[in-house]
Amino acid sequence: MEKLILERLTTLGHPQRMALFRLLMRRYPQAVPAGELAQALGLKASTLSVYLSALAGVDLIAKSRHGTSLHYKVQQKAAREIIDYLFLDCCRGRPQLCPTIAPIPSKGNQPMSDRKLNVIFICTGNSARSIMAEAIMRDLDKARFNSFSAGTRPTGTPHPLALATLERNGHDIANLRSKNLDEFQKVGAPQMDFIFTVCDSAANEECAIWPGRPTSGHWGIPDPAAATGNDAEKSRAFARAYKQMRARIEAFAALPDITPGTPELQNNIDEIGNMPVQGQGIDHGTF
């Protein structure tokens, strides 16, 4: 086992292989298409293939075939074995010495009912999917949640069809705006309890560390702004995205225990992220 661990560490010693592994860790438990990996990291297909083969060769990742496409996923057991090898001896009985694997402080097994929980939905442009998610969460359960949204590269204005879809479904759109993620990472910004990425492009990006170790999840939905056709067809794409986003948010809000940081909640969030969506395809991450 020690030899294998050392081989894994050697494999991860290459900057681009490490970047690939970190991207797949951010997307876990989902399997990511090879083409999306190449696009996200700016790699040629041949170069990506070499890096994927190296990671698979030491059991750090696994591949599966979906139609004609190969998808890749981190082997969490292998990642844990590396952590154990590096830190378990020094931390045995003294977890305070290794904060990276120390347990998250618990506030008990009861839901956090003493305050409202802060939830942020992140997309690339913060113009369609994340804007709709903010409005849905805000209006679905105002008593328990404060809802926000932001973009890694915001467009500056919400998409007109996103606003029309929300208004058609009874949401107040007056105060919705496209915001930069930096706004929520400044001193004095609300501390987030939950962070959900809703487009693959945003999930693939490396972001700054959030204070408080919030619970995260990826609920990717196809970009309605990428829909082609006439106005009616484009409107239907936004209606589908709204329906899919609402179903996920309703499933989250209906969970019996929403205590940030618990393994059970993380598993539930990951399961919600794997709910089937209509029109799944290439996510251009424009909005």
C-alpha atoms as a PDB file:
ATOM      1  CA  MET A   1       0.000   0.000   0.000  1.00  0.00           C
ATOM      2  CA  GLU A   2       2.800   2.434   0.837  1.00  0.00           C
ATOM      3  CA  LYS A   3       4.262   2.027  -2.645  1.00  0.00           C
ATOM      4  CA  LEU A   4       0.896   2.811  -4.225  1.00  0.00           C
ATOM      5  CA  ILE A   5       0.427   5.889  -2.033  1.00  0.00           C
ATOM      6  CA  LEU A   6       3.837   7.199  -3.061  1.00  0.00           C
ATOM      7  CA  GLU A   7       2.989   6.600  -6.727  1.00  0.00           C
ATOM      8  CA  ARG A   8      -0.212   8.584  -6.266  1.00  0.00           C
ATOM      9  CA  LEU A   9       1.656  11.453  -4.653  1.00  0.00           C
ATOM     10  CA  THR A  10       4.181  11.420  -7.508  1.00  0.00           C
ATOM     11  CA  THR A  11       1.347  11.495 -10.049  1.00  0.00           C
ATOM     12  CA  LEU A  12      -0.277  14.452  -8.300  1.00  0.00           C
ATOM     13  CA  GLY A  13       3.057  16.259  -8.208  1.00  0.00           C
ATOM     14  CA  HIS A  14       2.475  17.433 -11.790  1.00  0.00           C
ATOM     15  CA  PRO A  15       0.612  20.788 -11.701  1.00  0.00           C
ATOM     16  CA  GLN A  16      -1.852  20.019 -14.499  1.00  0.00           C
ATOM     17  CA  ARG A  17      -2.604  16.518 -13.240  1.00  0.00           C
ATOM     18  CA  MET A  18      -3.260  18.053  -9.830  1.00  0.00           C
ATOM     19  CA  ALA A  19      -5.545  20.667 -11.417  1.00  0.00           C
ATOM     20  CA  LEU A  20      -7.463  17.889 -13.161  1.00  0.00           C
ATOM     21  CA  PHE A  21      -7.799  15.910  -9.939  1.00  0.00           C
ATOM     22  CA  ARG A  22      -8.954  18.999  -8.002  1.00  0.00           C
ATOM     23  CA  LEU A  23     -11.585  19.751 -10.638  1.00  0.00           C
ATOM     24  CA  LEU A  24     -12.958  16.217 -10.380  1.00  0.00           C
ATOM     25  CA  MET A  25     -12.972  16.528  -6.590  1.00  0.00           C
ATOM     26  CA  ARG A  26     -15.090  19.676  -6.868  1.00  0.00           C
ATOM     27  CA  ARG A  27     -17.555  17.828  -9.090  1.00  0.00           C
ATOM     28  CA  TYR A  28     -17.774  14.687  -6.929  1.00  0.00           C
ATOM     29  CA  PRO A  29     -19.945  12.582  -6.859  1.00  0.00           C
ATOM     30  CA  GLN A  30     -20.705  13.361 -10.488  1.00  0.00           C
ATOM     31  CA  ALA A  31     -18.798  11.898 -13.407  1.00  0.00           C
ATOM     32  CA  VAL A  32     -17.606  14.575 -15.847  1.00  0.00           C
ATOM     33  CA  PRO A  33     -17.315  14.153 -19.640  1.00  0.00           C
ATOM     34  CA  ALA A  34     -13.791  14.233 -21.031  1.00  0.00           C
ATOM     35  CA  GLY A  35     -14.684  17.059 -23.424  1.00  0.00           C
ATOM     36  CA  GLU A  36     -15.849  19.249 -20.563  1.00  0.00           C
ATOM     37  CA  LEU A  37     -12.627  18.580 -18.663  1.00  0.00           C
ATOM     38  CA  ALA A  38     -10.537  19.569 -21.674  1.00  0.00           C
ATOM     39  CA  GLN A  39     -12.525  22.775 -22.150  1.00  0.00           C
ATOM     40  CA  ALA A  40     -12.422  23.731 -18.475  1.00  0.00           C
ATOM     41  CA  LEU A  41      -8.637  23.262 -18.214  1.00  0.00           C
ATOM     42  CA  GLY A  42      -7.731  24.458 -21.707  1.00  0.00           C
ATOM     43  CA  LEU A  43      -6.095  21.159 -22.663  1.00  0.00           C
ATOM     44  CA  LYS A  44      -5.792  19.388 -25.993  1.00  0.00           C
ATOM     45  CA  ALA A  45      -7.630  16.079 -26.148  1.00  0.00           C
ATOM     46  CA  SER A  46      -4.377  14.151 -26.526  1.00  0.00           C
ATOM     47  CA  THR A  47      -2.801  15.879 -23.521  1.00  0.00           C
ATOM     48  CA  LEU A  48      -5.882  15.331 -21.391  1.00  0.00           C
ATOM     49  CA  SER A  49      -5.874  11.642 -22.316  1.00  0.00           C
ATOM     50  CA  VAL A  50      -2.311  11.266 -21.023  1.00  0.00           C
ATOM     51  CA  TYR A  51      -3.178  12.947 -17.712  1.00  0.00           C
ATOM     52  CA  LEU A  52      -6.355  10.890 -17.278  1.00  0.00           C
ATOM     53  CA  SER A  53      -4.456   7.677 -17.954  1.00  0.00           C
ATOM     54  CA  ALA A  54      -1.858   8.603 -15.335  1.00  0.00           C
ATOM     55  CA  LEU A  55      -4.507   9.292 -12.687  1.00  0.00           C
ATOM     56  CA  ALA A  56      -6.435   6.137 -13.570  1.00  0.00           C
ATOM     57  CA  GLY A  57      -3.214   4.116 -13.488  1.00  0.00           C
ATOM     58  CA  VAL A  58      -2.888   4.691  -9.737  1.00  0.00           C
ATOM     59  CA  ASP A  59      -6.644   4.300  -9.091  1.00  0.00           C
ATOM     60  CA  LEU A  60      -7.262   7.968  -8.321  1.00  0.00           C
ATOM     61  CA  ILE A  61     -10.067   8.201 -10.865  1.00  0.00           C
ATOM     62  CA  ALA A  62     -12.459   5.822 -12.613  1.00  0.00           C
ATOM     63  CA  LYS A  63     -14.076   6.082 -16.027  1.00  0.00           C
ATOM     64  CA  SER A  64     -17.472   5.065 -17.334  1.00  0.00           C
ATOM     65  CA  ARG A  65     -19.010   5.160 -20.785  1.00  0.00           C
ATOM     66  CA  HIS A  66     -22.198   7.091 -21.503  1.00  0.00           C
ATOM     67  CA  GLY A  67     -23.134   6.509 -25.120  1.00  0.00           C
ATOM     68  CA  THR A  68     -20.106   7.570 -27.123  1.00  0.00           C
ATOM     69  CA  SER A  69     -18.668   9.731 -24.336  1.00  0.00           C
ATOM     70  CA  LEU A  70     -16.259   8.778 -21.571  1.00  0.00           C
ATOM     71  CA  HIS A  71     -16.951  10.275 -18.137  1.00  0.00           C
ATOM     72  CA  TYR A  72     -14.490  10.462 -15.239  1.00  0.00           C
ATOM     73  CA  LYS A  73     -15.000  10.475 -11.486  1.00  0.00           C
ATOM     74  CA  VAL A  74     -12.720  10.649  -8.454  1.00  0.00           C
ATOM     75  CA  GLN A  75     -12.171   7.479  -6.443  1.00  0.00           C
ATOM     76  CA  GLN A  76     -12.909   8.841  -2.983  1.00  0.00           C
ATOM     77  CA  LYS A  77     -11.443   5.792  -1.262  1.00  0.00           C
ATOM     78  CA  ALA A  78      -8.079   6.475  -2.912  1.00  0.00           C
ATOM     79  CA  ALA A  79      -8.189  10.139  -1.911  1.00  0.00           C
ATOM     80  CA  ARG A  80      -8.946   9.190   1.683  1.00  0.00           C
ATOM     81  CA  GLU A  81      -6.058   6.719   1.716  1.00  0.00           C
ATOM     82  CA  ILE A  82      -3.670   9.539   0.800  1.00  0.00           C
ATOM     83  CA  ILE A  83      -5.030  11.722   3.619  1.00  0.00           C
ATOM     84  CA  ASP A  84      -4.765   8.866   6.098  1.00  0.00           C
ATOM     85  CA  TYR A  85      -1.204   8.095   5.038  1.00  0.00           C
ATOM     86  CA  LEU A  86      -0.089  11.715   5.419  1.00  0.00           C
ATOM     87  CA  PHE A  87      -1.919  12.691   8.588  1.00  0.00           C
ATOM     88  CA  LEU A  88      -3.334   9.770  10.529  1.00  0.00           C
ATOM     89  CA  ASP A  89      -0.194   8.983  12.541  1.00  0.00           C
ATOM     90  CA  CYS A  90       0.378  12.542  13.723  1.00  0.00           C
ATOM     91  CA  CYS A  91      -3.311  13.087  14.407  1.00  0.00           C
ATOM     92  CA  ARG A  92      -4.152   9.822  16.136  1.00  0.00           C
ATOM     93  CA  GLY A  93      -5.753  10.966  19.348  1.00  0.00           C
ATOM     94  CA  ARG A  94      -4.817  14.590  18.626  1.00  0.00           C
ATOM     95  CA  PRO A  95      -7.141  15.806  15.817  1.00  0.00           C
ATOM     96  CA  GLN A  96      -6.537  19.434  16.826  1.00  0.00           C
ATOM     97  CA  LEU A  97      -3.078  19.152  15.244  1.00  0.00           C
ATOM     98  CA  CYS A  98      -4.581  18.481  11.810  1.00  0.00           C
ATOM     99  CA  PRO A  99      -7.457  20.907  11.255  1.00  0.00           C
ATOM    100  CA  THR A 100      -7.894  19.734   7.665  1.00  0.00           C
ATOM    101  CA  ILE A 101      -9.372  16.470   8.909  1.00  0.00           C
ATOM    102  CA  ALA A 102     -10.628  17.521  12.310  1.00  0.00           C
ATOM    103  CA  PRO A 103     -14.378  17.024  12.731  1.00  0.00           C
ATOM    104  CA  ILE A 104     -16.597  20.033  12.127  1.00  0.00           C
ATOM    105  CA  PRO A 105     -17.825  21.418  15.451  1.00  0.00           C
ATOM    106  CA  SER A 106     -21.306  20.091  16.093  1.00  0.00           C
ATOM    107  CA  LYS A 107     -24.219  22.054  17.399  1.00  0.00           C
ATOM    108  CA  GLY A 108     -26.120  18.874  18.132  1.00  0.00           C
ATOM    109  CA  ASN A 109     -28.371  16.790  15.979  1.00  0.00           C
ATOM    110  CA  GLN A 110     -31.239  19.240  15.926  1.00  0.00           C
ATOM    111  CA  PRO A 111     -31.967  21.466  12.910  1.00  0.00           C
ATOM    112  CA  MET A 112     -30.603  24.981  13.199  1.00  0.00           C
ATOM    113  CA  SER A 113     -33.873  26.708  14.028  1.00  0.00           C
ATOM    114  CA  ASP A 114     -32.421  29.576  16.040  1.00  0.00           C
ATOM    115  CA  ARG A 115     -31.506  31.630  12.971  1.00  0.00           C
ATOM    116  CA  LYS A 116     -32.143  31.871   9.269  1.00  0.00           C
ATOM    117  CA  LEU A 117     -29.711  29.986   7.050  1.00  0.00           C
ATOM    118  CA  ASN A 118     -27.855  31.810   4.263  1.00  0.00           C
ATOM    119  CA  VAL A 119     -27.928  30.118   0.848  1.00  0.00           C
ATOM    120  CA  ILE A 120     -26.137  31.337  -2.277  1.00  0.00           C
ATOM    121  CA  PHE A 121     -26.555  30.058  -5.828  1.00  0.00           C
ATOM    122  CA  ILE A 122     -23.544  30.570  -8.086  1.00  0.00           C
ATOM    123  CA  CYS A 123     -23.384  30.581 -11.863  1.00  0.00           C
ATOM    124  CA  THR A 124     -21.004  32.138 -14.349  1.00  0.00           C
ATOM    125  CA  GLY A 125     -23.024  35.137 -15.497  1.00  0.00           C
ATOM    126  CA  ASN A 126     -25.630  35.322 -12.685  1.00  0.00           C
ATOM    127  CA  SER A 127     -28.260  36.132 -15.242  1.00  0.00           C
ATOM    128  CA  ALA A 128     -30.598  33.145 -15.592  1.00  0.00           C
ATOM    129  CA  ARG A 129     -30.283  29.910 -13.593  1.00  0.00           C
ATOM    130  CA  SER A 130     -28.834  31.382 -10.402  1.00  0.00           C
ATOM    131  CA  ILE A 131     -31.165  34.387 -10.561  1.00  0.00           C
ATOM    132  CA  MET A 132     -34.166  32.069 -10.838  1.00  0.00           C
ATOM    133  CA  ALA A 133     -32.839  29.921  -7.976  1.00  0.00           C
ATOM    134  CA  GLU A 134     -32.459  32.977  -5.739  1.00  0.00           C
ATOM    135  CA  ALA A 135     -36.064  34.004  -6.331  1.00  0.00           C
ATOM    136  CA  ILE A 136     -37.437  30.479  -5.903  1.00  0.00           C
ATOM    137  CA  MET A 137     -35.647  29.888  -2.600  1.00  0.00           C
ATOM    138  CA  ARG A 138     -36.499  33.374  -1.345  1.00  0.00           C
ATOM    139  CA  ASP A 139     -40.212  32.914  -1.960  1.00  0.00           C
ATOM    140  CA  LEU A 140     -40.422  29.220  -1.076  1.00  0.00           C
ATOM    141  CA  ASP A 141     -39.331  29.485   2.562  1.00  0.00           C
ATOM    142  CA  LYS A 142     -38.644  33.022   3.786  1.00  0.00           C
ATOM    143  CA  ALA A 143     -38.916  31.932   7.402  1.00  0.00           C
ATOM    144  CA  ARG A 144     -35.870  29.646   7.286  1.00  0.00           C
ATOM    145  CA  PHE A 145     -33.625  30.930   4.496  1.00  0.00           C
ATOM    146  CA  ASN A 146     -31.938  34.082   3.257  1.00  0.00           C
ATOM    147  CA  SER A 147     -31.377  33.597  -0.454  1.00  0.00           C
ATOM    148  CA  PHE A 148     -28.606  35.113  -2.593  1.00  0.00           C
ATOM    149  CA  SER A 149     -27.040  34.586  -6.009  1.00  0.00           C
ATOM    150  CA  ALA A 150     -23.833  35.678  -7.714  1.00  0.00           C
ATOM    151  CA  GLY A 151     -21.683  35.093 -10.765  1.00  0.00           C
ATOM    152  CA  THR A 152     -17.992  34.417 -11.259  1.00  0.00           C
ATOM    153  CA  ARG A 153     -18.169  36.651 -14.338  1.00  0.00           C
ATOM    154  CA  PRO A 154     -21.532  38.421 -14.044  1.00  0.00           C
ATOM    155  CA  THR A 155     -23.176  39.834 -17.137  1.00  0.00           C
ATOM    156  CA  GLY A 156     -24.489  42.817 -15.205  1.00  0.00           C
ATOM    157  CA  THR A 157     -28.175  42.337 -15.983  1.00  0.00           C
ATOM    158  CA  PRO A 158     -30.638  39.454 -15.509  1.00  0.00           C
ATOM    159  CA  HIS A 159     -31.774  37.743 -18.704  1.00  0.00           C
ATOM    160  CA  PRO A 160     -35.163  39.109 -19.851  1.00  0.00           C
ATOM    161  CA  LEU A 161     -36.588  35.592 -20.307  1.00  0.00           C
ATOM    162  CA  ALA A 162     -35.476  34.616 -16.805  1.00  0.00           C
ATOM    163  CA  LEU A 163     -37.334  37.605 -15.379  1.00  0.00           C
ATOM    164  CA  ALA A 164     -40.390  36.888 -17.524  1.00  0.00           C
ATOM    165  CA  THR A 165     -40.423  33.261 -16.364  1.00  0.00           C
ATOM    166  CA  LEU A 166     -40.194  34.259 -12.723  1.00  0.00           C
ATOM    167  CA  GLU A 167     -42.916  36.866 -13.069  1.00  0.00           C
ATOM    168  CA  ARG A 168     -45.161  34.367 -14.839  1.00  0.00           C
ATOM    169  CA  ASN A 169     -44.746  32.044 -11.849  1.00  0.00           C
ATOM    170  CA  GLY A 170     -45.700  34.702  -9.327  1.00  0.00           C
ATOM    171  CA  HIS A 171     -42.286  35.912  -8.146  1.00  0.00           C
ATOM    172  CA  ASP A 172     -41.419  39.533  -7.384  1.00  0.00           C
ATOM    173  CA  ILE A 173     -38.557  40.511  -9.716  1.00  0.00           C
ATOM    174  CA  ALA A 174     -38.155  44.137  -8.618  1.00  0.00           C
ATOM    175  CA  ASN A 175     -34.905  43.733  -6.655  1.00  0.00           C
ATOM    176  CA  LEU A 176     -33.185  40.999  -8.650  1.00  0.00           C
ATOM    177  CA  ARG A 177     -29.819  41.997 -10.070  1.00  0.00           C
ATOM    178  CA  SER A 178     -26.687  40.395 -11.492  1.00  0.00           C
ATOM    179  CA  LYS A 179     -23.943  40.418  -8.840  1.00  0.00           C
ATOM    180  CA  ASN A 180     -20.244  39.595  -8.685  1.00  0.00           C
ATOM    181  CA  LEU A 181     -19.163  36.773  -6.375  1.00  0.00           C
ATOM    182  CA  ASP A 182     -16.632  39.159  -4.813  1.00  0.00           C
ATOM    183  CA  GLU A 183     -19.528  41.015  -3.212  1.00  0.00           C
ATOM    184  CA  PHE A 184     -20.120  38.036  -0.918  1.00  0.00           C
ATOM    185  CA  GLN A 185     -16.485  37.412  -0.039  1.00  0.00           C
ATOM    186  CA  LYS A 186     -15.749  40.831   1.419  1.00  0.00           C
ATOM    187  CA  VAL A 187     -15.403  41.616   5.102  1.00  0.00           C
ATOM    188  CA  GLY A 188     -18.852  42.105   6.557  1.00  0.00           C
ATOM    189  CA  ALA A 189     -20.663  40.019   3.921  1.00  0.00           C
ATOM    190  CA  PRO A 190     -23.214  37.461   5.153  1.00  0.00           C
ATOM    191  CA  GLN A 191     -21.563  34.181   6.128  1.00  0.00           C
ATOM    192  CA  MET A 192     -22.943  31.419   3.960  1.00  0.00           C
ATOM    193  CA  ASP A 193     -24.285  28.138   5.277  1.00  0.00           C
ATOM    194  CA  PHE A 194     -24.881  26.610   1.843  1.00  0.00           C
ATOM    195  CA  ILE A 195     -23.239  27.170  -1.541  1.00  0.00           C
ATOM    196  CA  PHE A 196     -24.828  25.670  -4.646  1.00  0.00           C
ATOM    197  CA  THR A 197     -23.330  25.919  -8.126  1.00  0.00           C
ATOM    198  CA  VAL A 198     -25.999  25.645 -10.809  1.00  0.00           C
ATOM    199  CA  CYS A 199     -23.857  25.632 -13.958  1.00  0.00           C
ATOM    200  CA  ASP A 200     -20.972  23.308 -14.737  1.00  0.00           C
ATOM    201  CA  SER A 201     -18.619  26.134 -15.687  1.00  0.00           C
ATOM    202  CA  ALA A 202     -18.912  27.745 -12.262  1.00  0.00           C
ATOM    203  CA  ALA A 203     -18.490  24.370 -10.533  1.00  0.00           C
ATOM    204  CA  ASN A 204     -15.297  23.733 -12.495  1.00  0.00           C
ATOM    205  CA  GLU A 205     -13.677  26.987 -11.403  1.00  0.00           C
ATOM    206  CA  GLU A 206     -11.454  27.326  -8.359  1.00  0.00           C
ATOM    207  CA  CYS A 207     -12.948  29.762  -5.871  1.00  0.00           C
ATOM    208  CA  ALA A 208     -11.641  31.398  -2.747  1.00  0.00           C
ATOM    209  CA  ILE A 209     -12.115  29.564   0.553  1.00  0.00           C
ATOM    210  CA  TRP A 210     -15.411  30.519   2.161  1.00  0.00           C
ATOM    211  CA  PRO A 211     -15.373  31.309   5.881  1.00  0.00           C
ATOM    212  CA  GLY A 212     -17.244  29.004   8.194  1.00  0.00           C
ATOM    213  CA  ARG A 213     -16.808  25.869   6.035  1.00  0.00           C
ATOM    214  CA  PRO A 214     -20.289  26.007   4.433  1.00  0.00           C
ATOM    215  CA  THR A 215     -21.922  22.927   2.957  1.00  0.00           C
ATOM    216  CA  SER A 216     -21.743  22.877  -0.838  1.00  0.00           C
ATOM    217  CA  GLY A 217     -23.406  21.096  -3.708  1.00  0.00           C
ATOM    218  CA  HIS A 218     -23.565  21.147  -7.490  1.00  0.00           C
ATOM    219  CA  TRP A 219     -27.022  21.274  -9.047  1.00  0.00           C
ATOM    220  CA  GLY A 220     -26.120  21.757 -12.693  1.00  0.00           C
ATOM    221  CA  ILE A 221     -28.946  22.486 -15.115  1.00  0.00           C
ATOM    222  CA  PRO A 222     -28.690  23.036 -18.892  1.00  0.00           C
ATOM    223  CA  ASP A 223     -28.298  26.671 -19.899  1.00  0.00           C
ATOM    224  CA  PRO A 224     -31.689  27.926 -21.126  1.00  0.00           C
ATOM    225  CA  ALA A 225     -30.004  30.920 -22.767  1.00  0.00           C
ATOM    226  CA  ALA A 226     -28.215  28.497 -25.102  1.00  0.00           C
ATOM    227  CA  ALA A 227     -31.543  27.332 -26.549  1.00  0.00           C
ATOM    228  CA  THR A 228     -32.065  27.924 -30.254  1.00  0.00           C
ATOM    229  CA  GLY A 229     -35.221  28.329 -32.287  1.00  0.00           C
ATOM    230  CA  ASN A 230     -38.057  30.805 -32.219  1.00  0.00           C
ATOM    231  CA  ASP A 231     -39.193  32.860 -29.230  1.00  0.00           C
ATOM    232  CA  ALA A 232     -41.646  30.197 -28.071  1.00  0.00           C
ATOM    233  CA  GLU A 233     -38.957  27.510 -28.063  1.00  0.00           C
ATOM    234  CA  LYS A 234     -36.594  29.731 -26.102  1.00  0.00           C
ATOM    235  CA  SER A 235     -39.318  30.518 -23.573  1.00  0.00           C
ATOM    236  CA  ARG A 236     -39.948  26.802 -23.135  1.00  0.00           C
ATOM    237  CA  ALA A 237     -36.255  26.279 -22.363  1.00  0.00           C
ATOM    238  CA  PHE A 238     -36.482  28.807 -19.534  1.00  0.00           C
ATOM    239  CA  ALA A 239     -39.694  27.206 -18.301  1.00  0.00           C
ATOM    240  CA  ARG A 240     -37.945  23.815 -18.162  1.00  0.00           C
ATOM    241  CA  ALA A 241     -34.982  25.286 -16.288  1.00  0.00           C
ATOM    242  CA  TYR A 242     -37.331  26.952 -13.806  1.00  0.00           C
ATOM    243  CA  LYS A 243     -39.235  23.698 -13.238  1.00  0.00           C
ATOM    244  CA  GLN A 244     -36.038  21.713 -12.735  1.00  0.00           C
ATOM    245  CA  MET A 245     -34.544  24.268 -10.364  1.00  0.00           C
ATOM    246  CA  ARG A 246     -37.721  24.519  -8.347  1.00  0.00           C
ATOM    247  CA  ALA A 247     -37.924  20.717  -7.997  1.00  0.00           C
ATOM    248  CA  ARG A 248     -34.416  20.618  -6.525  1.00  0.00           C
ATOM    249  CA  ILE A 249     -34.976  23.517  -4.161  1.00  0.00           C
ATOM    250  CA  GLU A 250     -38.276  22.025  -2.981  1.00  0.00           C
ATOM    251  CA  ALA A 251     -36.544  18.684  -2.355  1.00  0.00           C
ATOM    252  CA  PHE A 252     -33.873  20.473  -0.312  1.00  0.00           C
ATOM    253  CA  ALA A 253     -36.367  22.492   1.718  1.00  0.00           C
ATOM    254  CA  ALA A 254     -38.372  19.335   2.457  1.00  0.00           C
ATOM    255  CA  LEU A 255     -35.429  17.523   4.098  1.00  0.00           C
ATOM    256  CA  PRO A 256     -36.245  16.623   7.717  1.00  0.00           C
ATOM    257  CA  ASP A 257     -32.927  17.896   9.086  1.00  0.00           C
ATOM    258  CA  ILE A 258     -31.085  20.803   7.483  1.00  0.00           C
ATOM    259  CA  THR A 259     -28.083  21.103   9.795  1.00  0.00           C
ATOM    260  CA  PRO A 260     -25.028  22.335   7.844  1.00  0.00           C
ATOM    261  CA  GLY A 261     -21.961  20.154   7.999  1.00  0.00           C
ATOM    262  CA  THR A 262     -23.569  16.776   8.674  1.00  0.00           C
ATOM    263  CA  PRO A 263     -22.629  13.825   6.431  1.00  0.00           C
ATOM    264  CA  GLU A 264     -26.287  12.856   6.065  1.00  0.00           C
ATOM    265  CA  LEU A 265     -27.208  16.275   4.725  1.00  0.00           C
ATOM    266  CA  GLN A 266     -24.277  16.246   2.292  1.00  0.00           C
ATOM    267  CA  ASN A 267     -25.429  12.894   0.935  1.00  0.00           C
ATOM    268  CA  ASN A 268     -28.949  14.263   0.475  1.00  0.00           C
ATOM    269  CA  ILE A 269     -27.637  17.339  -1.331  1.00  0.00           C
ATOM    270  CA  ASP A 270     -25.566  15.149  -3.657  1.00  0.00           C
ATOM    271  CA  GLU A 271     -28.611  12.988  -4.392  1.00  0.00           C
ATOM    272  CA  ILE A 272     -30.641  16.086  -5.239  1.00  0.00           C
ATOM    273  CA  GLY A 273     -27.853  17.130  -7.611  1.00  0.00           C
ATOM    274  CA  ASN A 274     -28.223  13.796  -9.400  1.00  0.00           C
ATOM    275  CA  MET A 275     -31.942  14.247 -10.014  1.00  0.00           C
ATOM    276  CA  PRO A 276     -32.568  13.724 -13.754  1.00  0.00           C
ATOM    277  CA  VAL A 277     -33.028  16.864 -15.816  1.00  0.00           C
ATOM    278  CA  GLN A 278     -34.554  17.365 -19.235  1.00  0.00           C
ATOM    279  CA  GLY A 279     -32.421  18.594 -22.097  1.00  0.00           C
ATOM    280  CA  GLN A 280     -29.134  17.614 -20.486  1.00  0.00           C
ATOM    281  CA  GLY A 281     -26.344  18.486 -22.885  1.00  0.00           C
ATOM    282  CA  ILE A 282     -23.374  20.759 -23.319  1.00  0.00           C
ATOM    283  CA  ASP A 283     -23.323  23.469 -20.674  1.00  0.00           C
ATOM    284  CA  HIS A 284     -21.703  26.527 -22.179  1.00  0.00           C
ATOM    285  CA  GLY A 285     -21.795  28.342 -18.856  1.00  0.00           C
ATOM    286  CA  THR A 286     -22.846  31.646 -20.392  1.00  0.00           C
ATOM    287  CA  PHE A 287     -25.446  32.332 -17.739  1.00  0.00           C
END
